[in-house]
Amino acid sequence: MNEPWFDPSYAWLPGAMLGVLGGLAGGLAGWLAPQGKARAAVLTLWWLLLAASGVLLAGGVAGYLAGQPYAVWYGMGLTGLIGVLVLGINLPIIIIRYRQAEARRMQARDLT
């Protein structure tokens, strides 16, 4: 077994951080997307969290293949997998909500 990349007692930290940031991003998206506000900020944050999830997933796979302790590769890999799935599945929904808000805005403009 190799030397651990980090202290395995901190393996919970990536999951907690991604969970908190993902919850905040989801709350912002649920609040702002139907109104059509802050599209660039919300989608940028979403893509950053999705990329971070991909990096964690790749790190978990690399840790497994490198023979890292269970807590190291599992903490990163599970966090990354859940993040990629949840954020990836919800990204098209957020984009649709922004498009619907824009369509409502254009329709209201056409009525006046």
C-alpha atoms as a PDB file:
ATOM      1  CA  MET A   1       0.000   0.000   0.000  1.00  0.00           C
ATOM      2  CA  ASN A   2       1.220   3.484  -0.840  1.00  0.00           C
ATOM      3  CA  GLU A   3       1.468   6.436   1.490  1.00  0.00           C
ATOM      4  CA  PRO A   4      -2.033   8.006   1.736  1.00  0.00           C
ATOM      5  CA  TRP A   5      -2.553  11.185  -0.270  1.00  0.00           C
ATOM      6  CA  PHE A   6      -4.140  12.791   2.790  1.00  0.00           C
ATOM      7  CA  ASP A   7      -5.158  11.828   6.306  1.00  0.00           C
ATOM      8  CA  PRO A   8      -8.061   9.354   5.901  1.00  0.00           C
ATOM      9  CA  SER A   9      -9.827  10.891   8.900  1.00  0.00           C
ATOM     10  CA  TYR A  10     -10.603  13.879   6.633  1.00  0.00           C
ATOM     11  CA  ALA A  11     -12.186  11.777   3.878  1.00  0.00           C
ATOM     12  CA  TRP A  12     -15.621  13.206   4.732  1.00  0.00           C
ATOM     13  CA  LEU A  13     -14.554  16.748   3.837  1.00  0.00           C
ATOM     14  CA  PRO A  14     -14.941  16.646   0.003  1.00  0.00           C
ATOM     15  CA  GLY A  15     -18.433  15.197   0.291  1.00  0.00           C
ATOM     16  CA  ALA A  16     -19.516  17.740   2.866  1.00  0.00           C
ATOM     17  CA  MET A  17     -18.135  20.643   0.871  1.00  0.00           C
ATOM     18  CA  LEU A  18     -19.666  19.493  -2.404  1.00  0.00           C
ATOM     19  CA  GLY A  19     -22.970  18.775  -0.666  1.00  0.00           C
ATOM     20  CA  VAL A  20     -23.164  22.240   0.871  1.00  0.00           C
ATOM     21  CA  LEU A  21     -22.107  24.008  -2.327  1.00  0.00           C
ATOM     22  CA  GLY A  22     -24.424  21.839  -4.412  1.00  0.00           C
ATOM     23  CA  GLY A  23     -27.324  22.591  -2.091  1.00  0.00           C
ATOM     24  CA  LEU A  24     -26.654  26.320  -2.321  1.00  0.00           C
ATOM     25  CA  ALA A  25     -26.351  26.132  -6.111  1.00  0.00           C
ATOM     26  CA  GLY A  26     -29.575  24.145  -6.332  1.00  0.00           C
ATOM     27  CA  GLY A  27     -31.387  26.644  -4.155  1.00  0.00           C
ATOM     28  CA  LEU A  28     -30.145  29.534  -6.265  1.00  0.00           C
ATOM     29  CA  ALA A  29     -31.087  27.750  -9.470  1.00  0.00           C
ATOM     30  CA  GLY A  30     -34.548  26.904  -8.170  1.00  0.00           C
ATOM     31  CA  TRP A  31     -35.094  30.492  -7.119  1.00  0.00           C
ATOM     32  CA  LEU A  32     -33.493  32.397 -10.006  1.00  0.00           C
ATOM     33  CA  ALA A  33     -34.001  30.194 -13.081  1.00  0.00           C
ATOM     34  CA  PRO A  34     -37.814  30.489 -13.232  1.00  0.00           C
ATOM     35  CA  GLN A  35     -37.394  34.268 -13.018  1.00  0.00           C
ATOM     36  CA  GLY A  36     -34.725  34.260 -15.730  1.00  0.00           C
ATOM     37  CA  LYS A  37     -32.232  36.075 -13.508  1.00  0.00           C
ATOM     38  CA  ALA A  38     -28.462  35.573 -13.053  1.00  0.00           C
ATOM     39  CA  ARG A  39     -28.258  32.959 -15.795  1.00  0.00           C
ATOM     40  CA  ALA A  40     -24.508  33.303 -16.332  1.00  0.00           C
ATOM     41  CA  ALA A  41     -23.724  33.143 -12.627  1.00  0.00           C
ATOM     42  CA  VAL A  42     -25.935  30.140 -11.926  1.00  0.00           C
ATOM     43  CA  LEU A  43     -24.766  28.140 -14.940  1.00  0.00           C
ATOM     44  CA  THR A  44     -21.105  29.002 -14.287  1.00  0.00           C
ATOM     45  CA  LEU A  45     -21.415  27.829 -10.691  1.00  0.00           C
ATOM     46  CA  TRP A  46     -23.202  24.687 -11.867  1.00  0.00           C
ATOM     47  CA  TRP A  47     -20.506  23.877 -14.438  1.00  0.00           C
ATOM     48  CA  LEU A  48     -17.745  24.490 -11.866  1.00  0.00           C
ATOM     49  CA  LEU A  49     -19.364  22.100  -9.412  1.00  0.00           C
ATOM     50  CA  LEU A  50     -19.862  19.542 -12.174  1.00  0.00           C
ATOM     51  CA  ALA A  51     -16.182  19.839 -13.128  1.00  0.00           C
ATOM     52  CA  ALA A  52     -15.135  19.511  -9.479  1.00  0.00           C
ATOM     53  CA  SER A  53     -17.275  16.383  -9.225  1.00  0.00           C
ATOM     54  CA  GLY A  54     -15.572  14.951 -12.297  1.00  0.00           C
ATOM     55  CA  VAL A  55     -12.155  15.661 -10.792  1.00  0.00           C
ATOM     56  CA  LEU A  56     -13.185  13.961  -7.538  1.00  0.00           C
ATOM     57  CA  LEU A  57     -14.499  10.950  -9.434  1.00  0.00           C
ATOM     58  CA  ALA A  58     -11.284  10.692 -11.448  1.00  0.00           C
ATOM     59  CA  GLY A  59      -9.278  11.086  -8.241  1.00  0.00           C
ATOM     60  CA  GLY A  60     -11.256   8.297  -6.611  1.00  0.00           C
ATOM     61  CA  VAL A  61     -10.632   5.954  -9.536  1.00  0.00           C
ATOM     62  CA  ALA A  62      -6.952   6.904  -9.613  1.00  0.00           C
ATOM     63  CA  GLY A  63      -6.708   6.355  -5.867  1.00  0.00           C
ATOM     64  CA  TYR A  64      -8.262   2.924  -6.185  1.00  0.00           C
ATOM     65  CA  LEU A  65      -5.896   1.967  -8.981  1.00  0.00           C
ATOM     66  CA  ALA A  66      -2.907   3.374  -7.061  1.00  0.00           C
ATOM     67  CA  GLY A  67      -3.708   1.284  -4.002  1.00  0.00           C
ATOM     68  CA  GLN A  68      -4.738   4.135  -1.717  1.00  0.00           C
ATOM     69  CA  PRO A  69      -6.548   3.310   1.525  1.00  0.00           C
ATOM     70  CA  TYR A  70     -10.274   2.693   1.302  1.00  0.00           C
ATOM     71  CA  ALA A  71     -11.236   5.972   2.981  1.00  0.00           C
ATOM     72  CA  VAL A  72      -9.161   7.992   0.517  1.00  0.00           C
ATOM     73  CA  TRP A  73     -10.464   6.596  -2.756  1.00  0.00           C
ATOM     74  CA  TYR A  74     -14.000   5.886  -1.552  1.00  0.00           C
ATOM     75  CA  GLY A  75     -14.533   9.364  -0.090  1.00  0.00           C
ATOM     76  CA  MET A  76     -13.440  11.026  -3.301  1.00  0.00           C
ATOM     77  CA  GLY A  77     -15.010   8.531  -5.681  1.00  0.00           C
ATOM     78  CA  LEU A  78     -18.463   8.385  -4.121  1.00  0.00           C
ATOM     79  CA  THR A  79     -18.605  12.159  -3.773  1.00  0.00           C
ATOM     80  CA  GLY A  80     -17.597  12.591  -7.401  1.00  0.00           C
ATOM     81  CA  LEU A  81     -20.038   9.976  -8.662  1.00  0.00           C
ATOM     82  CA  ILE A  82     -22.998  11.449  -6.792  1.00  0.00           C
ATOM     83  CA  GLY A  83     -22.021  14.966  -7.870  1.00  0.00           C
ATOM     84  CA  VAL A  84     -21.689  14.031 -11.537  1.00  0.00           C
ATOM     85  CA  LEU A  85     -25.022  12.219 -11.526  1.00  0.00           C
ATOM     86  CA  VAL A  86     -27.050  14.801  -9.608  1.00  0.00           C
ATOM     87  CA  LEU A  87     -25.556  17.886 -11.222  1.00  0.00           C
ATOM     88  CA  GLY A  88     -25.481  16.319 -14.684  1.00  0.00           C
ATOM     89  CA  ILE A  89     -29.116  15.223 -14.540  1.00  0.00           C
ATOM     90  CA  ASN A  90     -30.318  18.609 -13.288  1.00  0.00           C
ATOM     91  CA  LEU A  91     -28.313  20.780 -15.707  1.00  0.00           C
ATOM     92  CA  PRO A  92     -30.712  20.327 -18.661  1.00  0.00           C
ATOM     93  CA  ILE A  93     -33.653  21.109 -16.377  1.00  0.00           C
ATOM     94  CA  ILE A  94     -32.087  24.397 -15.302  1.00  0.00           C
ATOM     95  CA  ILE A  95     -31.371  25.328 -18.912  1.00  0.00           C
ATOM     96  CA  ILE A  96     -35.000  24.553 -19.814  1.00  0.00           C
ATOM     97  CA  ARG A  97     -36.251  26.767 -16.966  1.00  0.00           C
ATOM     98  CA  TYR A  98     -34.131  29.667 -18.223  1.00  0.00           C
ATOM     99  CA  ARG A  99     -35.436  29.158 -21.767  1.00  0.00           C
ATOM    100  CA  GLN A 100     -39.015  29.105 -20.501  1.00  0.00           C
ATOM    101  CA  ALA A 101     -38.447  32.349 -18.602  1.00  0.00           C
ATOM    102  CA  GLU A 102     -36.989  33.953 -21.726  1.00  0.00           C
ATOM    103  CA  ALA A 103     -39.947  32.750 -23.802  1.00  0.00           C
ATOM    104  CA  ARG A 104     -42.371  34.242 -21.253  1.00  0.00           C
ATOM    105  CA  ARG A 105     -40.434  37.509 -21.326  1.00  0.00           C
ATOM    106  CA  MET A 106     -40.564  37.649 -25.150  1.00  0.00           C
ATOM    107  CA  GLN A 107     -44.263  36.767 -25.194  1.00  0.00           C
ATOM    108  CA  ALA A 108     -45.021  39.519 -22.700  1.00  0.00           C
ATOM    109  CA  ARG A 109     -43.004  41.974 -24.795  1.00  0.00           C
ATOM    110  CA  ASP A 110     -44.992  40.994 -27.899  1.00  0.00           C
ATOM    111  CA  LEU A 111     -48.290  41.665 -26.118  1.00  0.00           C
ATOM    112  CA  THR A 112     -47.404  45.265 -25.365  1.00  0.00           C
END
